[in-house]
PDB file of N, CA and C in Angstrom:
ATOM      1  N   MET A   1      11.655 -25.310  -6.003  1.00  0.00           N
ATOM      2  CA  MET A   1      11.011 -24.222  -6.690  1.00  0.00           C
ATOM      3  C   MET A   1       9.641 -23.921  -6.065  1.00  0.00           C
ATOM      4  N   ASN A   2       8.978 -24.927  -5.592  1.00  0.00           N
ATOM      5  CA  ASN A   2       7.672 -24.750  -4.983  1.00  0.00           C
ATOM      6  C   ASN A   2       7.763 -23.881  -3.733  1.00  0.00           C
ATOM      7  N   THR A   3       8.841 -24.030  -2.985  1.00  0.00           N
ATOM      8  CA  THR A   3       9.024 -23.235  -1.770  1.00  0.00           C
ATOM      9  C   THR A   3       9.171 -21.757  -2.110  1.00  0.00           C
ATOM     10  N   VAL A   4       9.957 -21.450  -3.127  1.00  0.00           N
ATOM     11  CA  VAL A   4      10.160 -20.059  -3.538  1.00  0.00           C
ATOM     12  C   VAL A   4       8.842 -19.471  -4.031  1.00  0.00           C
ATOM     13  N   PHE A   5       8.101 -20.237  -4.818  1.00  0.00           N
ATOM     14  CA  PHE A   5       6.811 -19.776  -5.328  1.00  0.00           C
ATOM     15  C   PHE A   5       5.847 -19.487  -4.183  1.00  0.00           C
ATOM     16  N   THR A   6       5.815 -20.345  -3.194  1.00  0.00           N
ATOM     17  CA  THR A   6       4.942 -20.144  -2.038  1.00  0.00           C
ATOM     18  C   THR A   6       5.339 -18.896  -1.271  1.00  0.00           C
ATOM     19  N   GLN A   7       6.641 -18.675  -1.105  1.00  0.00           N
ATOM     20  CA  GLN A   7       7.117 -17.479  -0.405  1.00  0.00           C
ATOM     21  C   GLN A   7       6.748 -16.205  -1.166  1.00  0.00           C
ATOM     22  N   GLU A   8       6.884 -16.237  -2.487  1.00  0.00           N
ATOM     23  CA  GLU A   8       6.535 -15.075  -3.304  1.00  0.00           C
ATOM     24  C   GLU A   8       5.040 -14.785  -3.219  1.00  0.00           C
ATOM     25  N   LEU A   9       4.220 -15.813  -3.298  1.00  0.00           N
ATOM     26  CA  LEU A   9       2.774 -15.623  -3.196  1.00  0.00           C
ATOM     27  C   LEU A   9       2.381 -15.084  -1.832  1.00  0.00           C
ATOM     28  N   THR A  10       3.017 -15.570  -0.782  1.00  0.00           N
ATOM     29  CA  THR A  10       2.736 -15.078   0.564  1.00  0.00           C
ATOM     30  C   THR A  10       3.071 -13.598   0.672  1.00  0.00           C
ATOM     31  N   ARG A  11       4.198 -13.222   0.083  1.00  0.00           N
ATOM     32  CA  ARG A  11       4.612 -11.820   0.125  1.00  0.00           C
ATOM     33  C   ARG A  11       3.648 -10.935  -0.664  1.00  0.00           C
ATOM     34  N   PHE A  12       3.253 -11.374  -1.857  1.00  0.00           N
ATOM     35  CA  PHE A  12       2.319 -10.594  -2.668  1.00  0.00           C
ATOM     36  C   PHE A  12       0.943 -10.511  -2.008  1.00  0.00           C
ATOM     37  N   ASN A  13       0.490 -11.597  -1.419  1.00  0.00           N
ATOM     38  CA  ASN A  13      -0.806 -11.573  -0.740  1.00  0.00           C
ATOM     39  C   ASN A  13      -0.790 -10.605   0.437  1.00  0.00           C
ATOM     40  N   GLY A  14       0.317 -10.549   1.162  1.00  0.00           N
ATOM     41  CA  GLY A  14       0.448  -9.586   2.255  1.00  0.00           C
ATOM     42  C   GLY A  14       0.424  -8.153   1.740  1.00  0.00           C
ATOM     43  N   LEU A  15       1.080  -7.921   0.614  1.00  0.00           N
ATOM     44  CA  LEU A  15       1.096  -6.584   0.009  1.00  0.00           C
ATOM     45  C   LEU A  15      -0.300  -6.188  -0.453  1.00  0.00           C
ATOM     46  N   ILE A  16      -0.996  -7.096  -1.111  1.00  0.00           N
ATOM     47  CA  ILE A  16      -2.348  -6.806  -1.581  1.00  0.00           C
ATOM     48  C   ILE A  16      -3.276  -6.521  -0.402  1.00  0.00           C
ATOM     49  N   LYS A  17      -3.121  -7.277   0.666  1.00  0.00           N
ATOM     50  CA  LYS A  17      -3.942  -7.052   1.859  1.00  0.00           C
ATOM     51  C   LYS A  17      -3.665  -5.670   2.442  1.00  0.00           C
ATOM     52  N   LEU A  18      -2.398  -5.267   2.503  1.00  0.00           N
ATOM     53  CA  LEU A  18      -2.030  -3.946   3.016  1.00  0.00           C
ATOM     54  C   LEU A  18      -2.593  -2.842   2.137  1.00  0.00           C
ATOM     55  N   ILE A  19      -2.477  -2.975   0.826  1.00  0.00           N
ATOM     56  CA  ILE A  19      -2.988  -1.960  -0.097  1.00  0.00           C
ATOM     57  C   ILE A  19      -4.500  -1.840   0.040  1.00  0.00           C
ATOM     58  N   ARG A  20      -5.183  -2.969   0.069  1.00  0.00           N
ATOM     59  CA  ARG A  20      -6.642  -2.948   0.183  1.00  0.00           C
ATOM     60  C   ARG A  20      -7.083  -2.308   1.498  1.00  0.00           C
ATOM     61  N   GLN A  21      -6.444  -2.685   2.596  1.00  0.00           N
ATOM     62  CA  GLN A  21      -6.833  -2.151   3.904  1.00  0.00           C
ATOM     63  C   GLN A  21      -6.533  -0.668   4.017  1.00  0.00           C
ATOM     64  N   SER A  22      -5.399  -0.234   3.470  1.00  0.00           N
ATOM     65  CA  SER A  22      -5.076   1.195   3.553  1.00  0.00           C
ATOM     66  C   SER A  22      -6.038   2.013   2.698  1.00  0.00           C
ATOM     67  N   CYS A  23      -6.470   1.477   1.558  1.00  0.00           N
ATOM     68  CA  CYS A  23      -7.453   2.192   0.734  1.00  0.00           C
ATOM     69  C   CYS A  23      -8.799   2.287   1.446  1.00  0.00           C
ATOM     70  N   VAL A  24      -9.203   1.209   2.101  1.00  0.00           N
ATOM     71  CA  VAL A  24     -10.455   1.227   2.868  1.00  0.00           C
ATOM     72  C   VAL A  24     -10.351   2.232   4.013  1.00  0.00           C
ATOM     73  N   ASP A  25      -9.222   2.231   4.704  1.00  0.00           N
ATOM     74  CA  ASP A  25      -9.025   3.165   5.816  1.00  0.00           C
ATOM     75  C   ASP A  25      -9.010   4.615   5.331  1.00  0.00           C
ATOM     76  N   LEU A  26      -8.383   4.856   4.176  1.00  0.00           N
ATOM     77  CA  LEU A  26      -8.370   6.208   3.620  1.00  0.00           C
ATOM     78  C   LEU A  26      -9.782   6.658   3.258  1.00  0.00           C
ATOM     79  N   LYS A  27     -10.540   5.769   2.673  1.00  0.00           N
ATOM     80  CA  LYS A  27     -11.918   6.095   2.307  1.00  0.00           C
ATOM     81  C   LYS A  27     -12.737   6.440   3.550  1.00  0.00           C
ATOM     82  N   ARG A  28     -12.566   5.649   4.607  1.00  0.00           N
ATOM     83  CA  ARG A  28     -13.294   5.907   5.851  1.00  0.00           C
ATOM     84  C   ARG A  28     -12.820   7.208   6.512  1.00  0.00           C
ATOM     85  N   ALA A  29     -11.528   7.505   6.405  1.00  0.00           N
ATOM     86  CA  ALA A  29     -10.999   8.743   6.988  1.00  0.00           C
ATOM     87  C   ALA A  29     -11.513   9.962   6.233  1.00  0.00           C
ATOM     88  N   ILE A  30     -11.633   9.852   4.930  1.00  0.00           N
ATOM     89  CA  ILE A  30     -12.155  10.962   4.141  1.00  0.00           C
ATOM     90  C   ILE A  30     -13.617  11.212   4.482  1.00  0.00           C
ATOM     91  N   LYS A  31     -14.362  10.140   4.740  1.00  0.00           N
ATOM     92  CA  LYS A  31     -15.764  10.284   5.132  1.00  0.00           C
ATOM     93  C   LYS A  31     -15.904  10.816   6.558  1.00  0.00           C
ATOM     94  N   GLY A  32     -14.829  10.711   7.350  1.00  0.00           N
ATOM     95  CA  GLY A  32     -14.862  11.180   8.729  1.00  0.00           C
ATOM     96  C   GLY A  32     -15.248  10.115   9.723  1.00  0.00           C
ATOM     97  N   GLU A  33     -15.230   8.858   9.308  1.00  0.00           N
ATOM     98  CA  GLU A  33     -15.607   7.758  10.195  1.00  0.00           C
ATOM     99  C   GLU A  33     -14.473   7.351  11.135  1.00  0.00           C
ATOM    100  N   VAL A  34     -13.222   7.549  10.707  1.00  0.00           N
ATOM    101  CA  VAL A  34     -12.054   7.228  11.540  1.00  0.00           C
ATOM    102  C   VAL A  34     -11.083   8.399  11.474  1.00  0.00           C
ATOM    103  N   LEU A  35     -10.147   8.416  12.411  1.00  0.00           N
ATOM    104  CA  LEU A  35      -9.135   9.466  12.425  1.00  0.00           C
ATOM    105  C   LEU A  35      -8.069   9.193  11.368  1.00  0.00           C
ATOM    106  N   LEU A  36      -7.536  10.253  10.811  1.00  0.00           N
ATOM    107  CA  LEU A  36      -6.487  10.148   9.809  1.00  0.00           C
ATOM    108  C   LEU A  36      -5.143  10.100  10.530  1.00  0.00           C
ATOM    109  N   SER A  37      -4.520   8.927  10.560  1.00  0.00           N
ATOM    110  CA  SER A  37      -3.234   8.778  11.232  1.00  0.00           C
ATOM    111  C   SER A  37      -2.122   9.397  10.375  1.00  0.00           C
ATOM    112  N   ALA A  38      -0.945   9.475  10.942  1.00  0.00           N
ATOM    113  CA  ALA A  38       0.197  10.046  10.217  1.00  0.00           C
ATOM    114  C   ALA A  38       0.554   9.189   9.009  1.00  0.00           C
ATOM    115  N   ASP A  39       0.484   7.866   9.168  1.00  0.00           N
ATOM    116  CA  ASP A  39       0.781   6.967   8.038  1.00  0.00           C
ATOM    117  C   ASP A  39      -0.239   7.130   6.923  1.00  0.00           C
ATOM    118  N   LEU A  40      -1.509   7.221   7.291  1.00  0.00           N
ATOM    119  CA  LEU A  40      -2.547   7.387   6.274  1.00  0.00           C
ATOM    120  C   LEU A  40      -2.430   8.745   5.586  1.00  0.00           C
ATOM    121  N   GLU A  41      -2.075   9.769   6.345  1.00  0.00           N
ATOM    122  CA  GLU A  41      -1.903  11.092   5.735  1.00  0.00           C
ATOM    123  C   GLU A  41      -0.740  11.087   4.749  1.00  0.00           C
ATOM    124  N   ALA A  42       0.352  10.424   5.110  1.00  0.00           N
ATOM    125  CA  ALA A  42       1.499  10.327   4.202  1.00  0.00           C
ATOM    126  C   ALA A  42       1.115   9.529   2.958  1.00  0.00           C
ATOM    127  N   ALA A  43       0.335   8.472   3.142  1.00  0.00           N
ATOM    128  CA  ALA A  43      -0.120   7.678   1.997  1.00  0.00           C
ATOM    129  C   ALA A  43      -1.031   8.506   1.097  1.00  0.00           C
ATOM    130  N   LEU A  44      -1.922   9.281   1.696  1.00  0.00           N
ATOM    131  CA  LEU A  44      -2.831  10.125   0.924  1.00  0.00           C
ATOM    132  C   LEU A  44      -2.053  11.159   0.115  1.00  0.00           C
ATOM    133  N   ASN A  45      -1.077  11.779   0.729  1.00  0.00           N
ATOM    134  CA  ASN A  45      -0.259  12.770   0.023  1.00  0.00           C
ATOM    135  C   ASN A  45       0.532  12.124  -1.111  1.00  0.00           C
ATOM    136  N   SER A  46       1.041  10.930  -0.887  1.00  0.00           N
ATOM    137  CA  SER A  46       1.772  10.225  -1.941  1.00  0.00           C
ATOM    138  C   SER A  46       0.851   9.880  -3.102  1.00  0.00           C
ATOM    139  N   LEU A  47      -0.351   9.415  -2.794  1.00  0.00           N
ATOM    140  CA  LEU A  47      -1.306   9.064  -3.845  1.00  0.00           C
ATOM    141  C   LEU A  47      -1.711  10.303  -4.641  1.00  0.00           C
ATOM    142  N   LYS A  48      -1.879  11.433  -3.962  1.00  0.00           N
ATOM    143  CA  LYS A  48      -2.229  12.672  -4.667  1.00  0.00           C
ATOM    144  C   LYS A  48      -1.108  13.110  -5.604  1.00  0.00           C
ATOM    145  N   ASP A  49       0.139  12.832  -5.217  1.00  0.00           N
ATOM    146  CA  ASP A  49       1.290  13.209  -6.042  1.00  0.00           C
ATOM    147  C   ASP A  49       1.635  12.166  -7.092  1.00  0.00           C
ATOM    148  N   GLY A  50       0.918  11.050  -7.098  1.00  0.00           N
ATOM    149  CA  GLY A  50       1.187  10.007  -8.085  1.00  0.00           C
ATOM    150  C   GLY A  50       2.372   9.122  -7.731  1.00  0.00           C
ATOM    151  N   ARG A  51       2.723   9.087  -6.452  1.00  0.00           N
ATOM    152  CA  ARG A  51       3.828   8.242  -5.991  1.00  0.00           C
ATOM    153  C   ARG A  51       3.286   7.068  -5.201  1.00  0.00           C
ATOM    154  N   VAL A  52       4.079   6.021  -5.103  1.00  0.00           N
ATOM    155  CA  VAL A  52       3.713   4.856  -4.313  1.00  0.00           C
ATOM    156  C   VAL A  52       3.959   5.189  -2.841  1.00  0.00           C
ATOM    157  N   PRO A  53       2.963   5.002  -1.975  1.00  0.00           N
ATOM    158  CA  PRO A  53       3.146   5.315  -0.550  1.00  0.00           C
ATOM    159  C   PRO A  53       4.258   4.484   0.086  1.00  0.00           C
ATOM    160  N   ALA A  54       4.952   5.089   1.020  1.00  0.00           N
ATOM    161  CA  ALA A  54       6.080   4.422   1.686  1.00  0.00           C
ATOM    162  C   ALA A  54       5.625   3.171   2.438  1.00  0.00           C
ATOM    163  N   MET A  55       4.408   3.208   2.986  1.00  0.00           N
ATOM    164  CA  MET A  55       3.922   2.043   3.733  1.00  0.00           C
ATOM    165  C   MET A  55       3.740   0.840   2.809  1.00  0.00           C
ATOM    166  N   TRP A  56       3.479   1.077   1.526  1.00  0.00           N
ATOM    167  CA  TRP A  56       3.371  -0.017   0.563  1.00  0.00           C
ATOM    168  C   TRP A  56       4.755  -0.500   0.158  1.00  0.00           C
ATOM    169  N   LEU A  57       5.692   0.439   0.018  1.00  0.00           N
ATOM    170  CA  LEU A  57       7.039   0.066  -0.412  1.00  0.00           C
ATOM    171  C   LEU A  57       7.764  -0.773   0.632  1.00  0.00           C
ATOM    172  N   LYS A  58       7.390  -0.623   1.900  1.00  0.00           N
ATOM    173  CA  LYS A  58       8.015  -1.424   2.952  1.00  0.00           C
ATOM    174  C   LYS A  58       7.727  -2.905   2.756  1.00  0.00           C
ATOM    175  N   LYS A  59       6.555  -3.232   2.222  1.00  0.00           N
ATOM    176  CA  LYS A  59       6.147  -4.629   2.050  1.00  0.00           C
ATOM    177  C   LYS A  59       6.365  -5.149   0.636  1.00  0.00           C
ATOM    178  N   SER A  60       6.735  -4.278  -0.307  1.00  0.00           N
ATOM    179  CA  SER A  60       6.836  -4.718  -1.691  1.00  0.00           C
ATOM    180  C   SER A  60       8.289  -4.878  -2.117  1.00  0.00           C
ATOM    181  N   PHE A  61       8.440  -5.281  -3.353  1.00  0.00           N
ATOM    182  CA  PHE A  61       9.764  -5.390  -3.939  1.00  0.00           C
ATOM    183  C   PHE A  61      10.261  -3.993  -4.286  1.00  0.00           C
ATOM    184  N   PRO A  62      11.568  -3.779  -4.283  1.00  0.00           N
ATOM    185  CA  PRO A  62      12.091  -2.450  -4.649  1.00  0.00           C
ATOM    186  C   PRO A  62      11.661  -2.075  -6.061  1.00  0.00           C
ATOM    187  N   SER A  63      11.163  -0.854  -6.207  1.00  0.00           N
ATOM    188  CA  SER A  63      10.678  -0.401  -7.493  1.00  0.00           C
ATOM    189  C   SER A  63      10.848   1.100  -7.596  1.00  0.00           C
ATOM    190  N   LEU A  64      11.237   1.562  -8.773  1.00  0.00           N
ATOM    191  CA  LEU A  64      11.357   2.988  -9.037  1.00  0.00           C
ATOM    192  C   LEU A  64      10.189   3.491  -9.876  1.00  0.00           C
ATOM    193  N   LYS A  65       9.207   2.638 -10.107  1.00  0.00           N
ATOM    194  CA  LYS A  65       8.074   3.015 -10.944  1.00  0.00           C
ATOM    195  C   LYS A  65       7.171   4.002 -10.216  1.00  0.00           C
ATOM    196  N   SER A  66       6.467   4.792 -11.004  1.00  0.00           N
ATOM    197  CA  SER A  66       5.475   5.702 -10.429  1.00  0.00           C
ATOM    198  C   SER A  66       4.232   4.895 -10.053  1.00  0.00           C
ATOM    199  N   LEU A  67       3.251   5.550  -9.529  1.00  0.00           N
ATOM    200  CA  LEU A  67       2.056   4.871  -9.068  1.00  0.00           C
ATOM    201  C   LEU A  67       1.329   4.152 -10.203  1.00  0.00           C
ATOM    202  N   GLY A  68       1.258   4.776 -11.361  1.00  0.00           N
ATOM    203  CA  GLY A  68       0.565   4.154 -12.494  1.00  0.00           C
ATOM    204  C   GLY A  68       1.224   2.861 -12.965  1.00  0.00           C
ATOM    205  N   GLY A  69       2.531   2.809 -12.953  1.00  0.00           N
ATOM    206  CA  GLY A  69       3.249   1.616 -13.376  1.00  0.00           C
ATOM    207  C   GLY A  69       3.376   0.574 -12.298  1.00  0.00           C
ATOM    208  N   TYR A  70       3.155   0.994 -11.084  1.00  0.00           N
ATOM    209  CA  TYR A  70       3.283   0.096  -9.947  1.00  0.00           C
ATOM    210  C   TYR A  70       2.128  -0.888  -9.944  1.00  0.00           C
TER     211      TYR A  70
END
């Protein structure tokens, strides 16, 4: 059971790191400090529509929840 728990925590920590980094990158792109890549633009559009960005869903568990429930 400890092995499964460790694997789950590793997966969640990777997801949290991705979410945090993409939010930081989006903030910097909005300020004009970095270029807005295609992935970041798709994430920004998803966030504006209240959907979970595809780049986050690649690393997370399958979910049909909207952004608020995610």
